[in-house]
């Protein structure tokens, strides 16, 4: 049975890529994240689920050092985020809930810029950009300004940018929102390849069907508290499906 607790849940995995201890964030007396403990091993694909306002985005921002916790700590790949957020960000590909692009760079120029920020060697940069443009179906739009991209195209060029340097950790806030079915399929395949090569992924999503097929582990947060965190195999075995687990736990917590 999944370990369900109204206060904290710890997933003890080997050699954590992410270690979260007692993580708490309050806003003017409102507790958005409440004493969160979590450890995720290298190569895991972790789905982070919850209704709107549950604390997902707040947690992911604290993982990146973009938001300071009220209490607790975050360690990424052996580095305390509070001590060296710049070193952490060099190891991470981060997709925020709100995408920022340079409107008057073309898609190709944007990827060149990101590749240069990460010091990709010239010998491999061109091939890597070409590969990602193909993966996300943007080859024909590569020379268009990103200001003229649709929302879905902006999401795809942003996703290409965060994986261009093959980071050891991906932190993704609603990565599938706005993607068409083919791009969703292709990005899932890319994530699966990266995980097989050792990349760790944590992502939030409301698309439970995609999460259930993709992840190795899943956590459900509600009103700032972790209600469940376990392998997807144990969650589906105990509840029948991820959807049933999600609604059982969030409905019971709301009662």
Protein backbone atom coordinates (compact mmCIF):
# COMPACT_ATOMS: atom_id res chain seq x y z
CA UNK A 1 0.00 0.00 0.00
CA UNK A 2 1.20 3.56 -0.62
CA UNK A 3 2.46 5.46 2.37
CA UNK A 4 -0.24 8.10 2.93
CA UNK A 5 0.33 10.76 5.54
CA UNK A 6 -1.29 14.13 6.15
CA UNK A 7 1.96 15.69 7.36
CA UNK A 8 5.03 14.45 5.49
CA UNK A 9 6.08 11.66 3.19
CA UNK A 10 9.64 10.57 2.55
CA UNK A 11 10.60 8.44 -0.44
CA UNK A 12 13.90 6.82 0.45
CA UNK A 13 15.77 6.13 -2.76
CA UNK A 14 19.46 5.55 -3.35
CA UNK A 15 21.99 8.37 -3.75
CA UNK A 16 19.56 11.23 -4.13
CA UNK A 17 19.77 13.68 -7.01
CA UNK A 18 17.18 15.74 -5.11
CA UNK A 19 17.04 15.84 -1.31
CA UNK A 20 14.34 17.96 0.30
CA UNK A 21 14.13 18.24 4.08
CA UNK A 22 11.40 20.03 6.00
CA UNK A 23 10.72 22.36 3.08
CA UNK A 24 8.15 25.00 4.02
CA UNK A 25 7.01 28.22 2.40
CA UNK A 26 4.58 30.70 3.91
CA UNK A 27 3.11 33.82 2.30
CA UNK A 28 1.69 36.33 4.78
CA UNK A 29 0.49 33.60 7.12
CA UNK A 30 -0.64 31.23 4.34
CA UNK A 31 1.33 27.98 4.16
CA UNK A 32 1.81 27.07 0.50
CA UNK A 33 4.23 24.17 1.15
CA UNK A 34 4.15 22.42 4.51
CA UNK A 35 7.16 20.48 5.84
CA UNK A 36 7.92 18.58 2.64
CA UNK A 37 10.47 15.74 2.74
CA UNK A 38 11.46 13.99 -0.47
CA UNK A 39 14.42 12.18 -1.98
CA UNK A 40 14.66 11.32 -5.67
CA UNK A 41 17.40 9.14 -7.13
CA UNK A 42 19.31 9.74 -10.36
CA UNK A 43 17.48 8.42 -13.39
CA UNK A 44 14.01 8.65 -11.84
CA UNK A 45 11.06 10.15 -13.70
CA UNK A 46 8.98 11.75 -10.96
CA UNK A 47 5.47 13.08 -11.62
CA UNK A 48 4.48 15.83 -9.19
CA UNK A 49 0.70 16.14 -9.10
CA UNK A 50 -1.93 18.20 -7.37
CA UNK A 51 -4.88 20.50 -8.03
CA UNK A 52 -4.33 24.18 -8.81
CA UNK A 53 -2.96 25.94 -5.74
CA UNK A 54 -1.68 22.73 -4.15
CA UNK A 55 1.94 23.94 -3.90
CA UNK A 56 3.55 22.38 -6.99
CA UNK A 57 4.92 25.52 -8.63
CA UNK A 58 6.07 26.95 -5.30
CA UNK A 59 8.01 23.75 -4.62
CA UNK A 60 9.63 23.70 -8.06
CA UNK A 61 10.66 27.35 -7.73
CA UNK A 62 12.32 26.58 -4.40
CA UNK A 63 14.19 23.68 -6.02
CA UNK A 64 15.65 26.17 -8.49
CA UNK A 65 16.52 28.75 -5.83
CA UNK A 66 14.11 31.25 -7.36
CA UNK A 67 12.07 31.37 -4.16
CA UNK A 68 13.53 31.24 -0.67
CA UNK A 69 11.96 28.71 1.72
CA UNK A 70 10.58 29.83 5.05
CA UNK A 71 12.14 26.71 6.54
CA UNK A 72 13.92 23.57 5.40
CA UNK A 73 16.53 22.86 2.74
CA UNK A 74 16.99 21.64 -0.83
CA UNK A 75 20.04 19.78 -2.10
CA UNK A 76 20.58 19.17 -5.82
CA UNK A 77 23.31 16.76 -6.94
CA UNK A 78 25.13 17.19 -3.66
CA UNK A 79 24.93 21.01 -3.67
CA UNK A 80 22.81 22.95 -1.20
CA UNK A 81 20.70 25.31 -3.29
CA UNK A 82 20.93 28.06 -0.66
CA UNK A 83 24.74 27.90 -0.78
CA UNK A 84 25.35 27.93 -4.53
CA UNK A 85 22.25 28.44 -6.70
CA UNK A 86 24.37 29.29 -9.76
CA UNK A 87 26.14 25.92 -9.67
CA UNK A 88 22.79 24.20 -9.27
CA UNK A 89 21.31 25.97 -12.29
CA UNK A 90 24.24 24.88 -14.44
CA UNK A 91 23.21 21.27 -13.78
CA UNK A 92 19.50 21.79 -14.36
CA UNK A 93 17.16 22.40 -17.27
CA UNK A 94 14.20 24.37 -15.92
CA UNK A 95 10.89 25.08 -17.61
CA UNK A 96 8.81 27.59 -15.61
CA UNK A 97 5.05 27.88 -15.73
CA UNK A 98 5.42 31.16 -17.66
CA UNK A 99 7.69 31.00 -20.69
CA UNK A 100 10.16 33.80 -21.43
CA UNK A 101 11.69 34.17 -24.90
CA UNK A 102 13.50 36.92 -26.77
CA UNK A 103 10.83 37.96 -29.27
CA UNK A 104 13.20 39.22 -31.94
CA UNK A 105 15.52 36.28 -32.04
CA UNK A 106 14.61 33.55 -34.48
CA UNK A 107 14.10 30.06 -33.13
CA UNK A 108 17.52 29.06 -34.41
CA UNK A 109 19.18 32.16 -32.93
CA UNK A 110 17.50 31.49 -29.58
CA UNK A 111 18.93 27.97 -29.46
CA UNK A 112 22.35 29.27 -30.51
CA UNK A 113 22.20 31.80 -27.67
CA UNK A 114 21.25 29.16 -25.10
CA UNK A 115 23.96 26.81 -26.42
CA UNK A 116 26.55 29.57 -26.03
CA UNK A 117 25.39 30.31 -22.47
CA UNK A 118 26.08 26.66 -21.65
CA UNK A 119 29.41 26.71 -23.53
CA UNK A 120 28.52 23.95 -25.98
CA UNK A 121 31.47 23.26 -28.29
CA UNK A 122 31.12 24.62 -31.80
CA UNK A 123 31.75 21.17 -33.26
CA UNK A 124 28.58 19.71 -31.76
CA UNK A 125 26.38 22.78 -31.44
CA UNK A 126 25.03 22.88 -34.98
CA UNK A 127 24.09 19.19 -34.98
CA UNK A 128 22.44 19.48 -31.57
CA UNK A 129 20.33 22.47 -32.67
CA UNK A 130 19.32 20.66 -35.86
CA UNK A 131 18.35 17.56 -33.86
CA UNK A 132 16.15 19.50 -31.44
CA UNK A 133 14.46 21.52 -34.17
CA UNK A 134 13.53 18.20 -35.80
CA UNK A 135 12.36 16.62 -32.55
CA UNK A 136 10.00 19.51 -31.87
CA UNK A 137 8.86 19.99 -35.47
CA UNK A 138 10.33 23.48 -35.73
CA UNK A 139 12.71 23.07 -38.65
CA UNK A 140 10.49 25.03 -41.04
CA UNK A 141 10.02 27.82 -38.47
CA UNK A 142 13.66 27.99 -37.37
CA UNK A 143 14.26 31.32 -39.13
CA UNK A 144 11.05 32.99 -37.94
CA UNK A 145 11.05 35.40 -35.00
CA UNK A 146 9.74 33.74 -31.84
CA UNK A 147 7.35 36.71 -31.47
CA UNK A 148 5.41 35.19 -34.37
CA UNK A 149 5.25 31.69 -32.84
CA UNK A 150 2.00 30.25 -31.55
CA UNK A 151 1.81 29.33 -27.85
CA UNK A 152 2.55 25.71 -28.66
CA UNK A 153 5.56 26.64 -30.78
CA UNK A 154 6.89 28.88 -28.01
CA UNK A 155 6.55 26.01 -25.57
CA UNK A 156 8.45 23.71 -27.93
CA UNK A 157 11.37 26.12 -28.53
CA UNK A 158 11.60 26.69 -24.76
CA UNK A 159 11.70 22.92 -24.17
CA UNK A 160 14.42 22.59 -26.81
CA UNK A 161 16.41 25.27 -25.00
CA UNK A 162 16.31 23.60 -21.62
CA UNK A 163 17.54 20.22 -22.88
CA UNK A 164 20.17 21.52 -25.30
CA UNK A 165 23.03 21.05 -22.81
CA UNK A 166 21.89 17.55 -21.74
CA UNK A 167 21.44 18.51 -18.08
CA UNK A 168 21.61 15.94 -15.29
CA UNK A 169 18.26 17.16 -13.91
CA UNK A 170 15.12 18.51 -15.55
CA UNK A 171 12.58 20.49 -13.52
CA UNK A 172 9.48 21.05 -15.63
CA UNK A 173 6.32 22.93 -14.70
CA UNK A 174 3.44 21.71 -16.92
CA UNK A 175 5.70 20.75 -19.87
CA UNK A 176 2.91 19.16 -21.95
CA UNK A 177 0.48 22.04 -21.72
CA UNK A 178 -0.02 23.53 -25.21
CA UNK A 179 1.74 20.74 -27.10
CA UNK A 180 -0.06 18.98 -29.94
CA UNK A 181 -0.33 15.16 -29.79
CA UNK A 182 2.67 14.55 -32.06
CA UNK A 183 4.90 16.93 -30.11
CA UNK A 184 3.73 15.37 -26.84
CA UNK A 185 4.68 11.95 -28.17
CA UNK A 186 8.06 13.13 -29.43
CA UNK A 187 8.90 14.98 -26.21
CA UNK A 188 7.92 11.95 -24.14
CA UNK A 189 10.29 9.86 -26.23
CA UNK A 190 13.07 12.41 -25.70
CA UNK A 191 12.52 12.38 -21.93
CA UNK A 192 12.57 8.59 -21.88
CA UNK A 193 15.87 8.55 -23.77
CA UNK A 194 17.37 11.10 -21.38
CA UNK A 195 16.23 9.14 -18.34
CA UNK A 196 17.74 5.94 -19.76
CA UNK A 197 21.05 7.79 -20.04
CA UNK A 198 20.85 8.87 -16.37
CA UNK A 199 19.00 12.19 -16.38
CA UNK A 200 16.60 12.77 -13.50
CA UNK A 201 13.24 14.40 -14.25
CA UNK A 202 10.66 15.95 -11.95
CA UNK A 203 7.63 17.52 -13.60
CA UNK A 204 4.20 18.77 -12.69
CA UNK A 205 1.21 17.99 -14.87
CA UNK A 206 -2.55 17.81 -14.90
CA UNK A 207 -2.56 15.20 -17.69
CA UNK A 208 -2.86 12.08 -15.56
CA UNK A 209 -2.92 9.67 -18.51
CA UNK A 210 0.46 10.93 -19.74
CA UNK A 211 1.93 10.87 -16.24
CA UNK A 212 0.82 7.29 -15.56
CA UNK A 213 2.45 6.01 -18.77
CA UNK A 214 5.66 7.99 -18.38
CA UNK A 215 6.82 8.13 -14.75
CA UNK A 216 8.69 5.75 -12.48
CA UNK A 217 7.52 7.55 -9.32
CA UNK A 218 4.67 9.88 -8.46
CA UNK A 219 3.79 12.30 -5.68
CA UNK A 220 0.46 13.94 -4.94
CA UNK A 221 0.41 17.21 -3.03
CA UNK A 222 -2.71 18.93 -1.74
CA UNK A 223 -2.95 22.17 0.23
CA UNK A 224 0.81 22.16 0.66
CA UNK A 225 1.03 18.65 2.14
CA UNK A 226 2.24 15.49 0.45
CA UNK A 227 -0.60 12.97 0.46
CA UNK A 228 1.25 10.19 -1.34
CA UNK A 229 4.66 9.48 -2.79
CA UNK A 230 5.60 6.09 -4.19
CA UNK A 231 6.47 4.15 -7.32
CA UNK A 232 3.84 4.32 -10.04
CA UNK A 233 3.63 0.53 -9.98
CA UNK A 234 2.62 0.44 -6.32
CA UNK A 235 0.20 3.34 -6.69
CA UNK A 236 -1.66 1.76 -9.60
CA UNK A 237 -1.63 -1.67 -7.96
CA UNK A 238 -3.19 -0.24 -4.81
CA UNK A 239 -5.76 2.06 -6.44
CA UNK A 240 -6.36 0.59 -9.90
CA UNK A 241 -5.15 3.71 -11.71
CA UNK A 242 -3.38 6.99 -11.06
CA UNK A 243 -6.63 8.87 -11.68
CA UNK A 244 -8.41 6.90 -8.94
CA UNK A 245 -5.52 7.49 -6.54
CA UNK A 246 -5.51 11.21 -7.31
CA UNK A 247 -9.21 11.75 -6.69
CA UNK A 248 -9.36 9.42 -3.70
CA UNK A 249 -6.58 11.28 -1.92
CA UNK A 250 -7.54 14.85 -2.84
CA UNK A 251 -11.25 14.30 -2.21
CA UNK A 252 -10.58 12.68 1.18
CA UNK A 253 -8.17 15.46 2.12
CA UNK A 254 -10.77 18.07 1.21
CA UNK A 255 -13.50 16.41 3.29
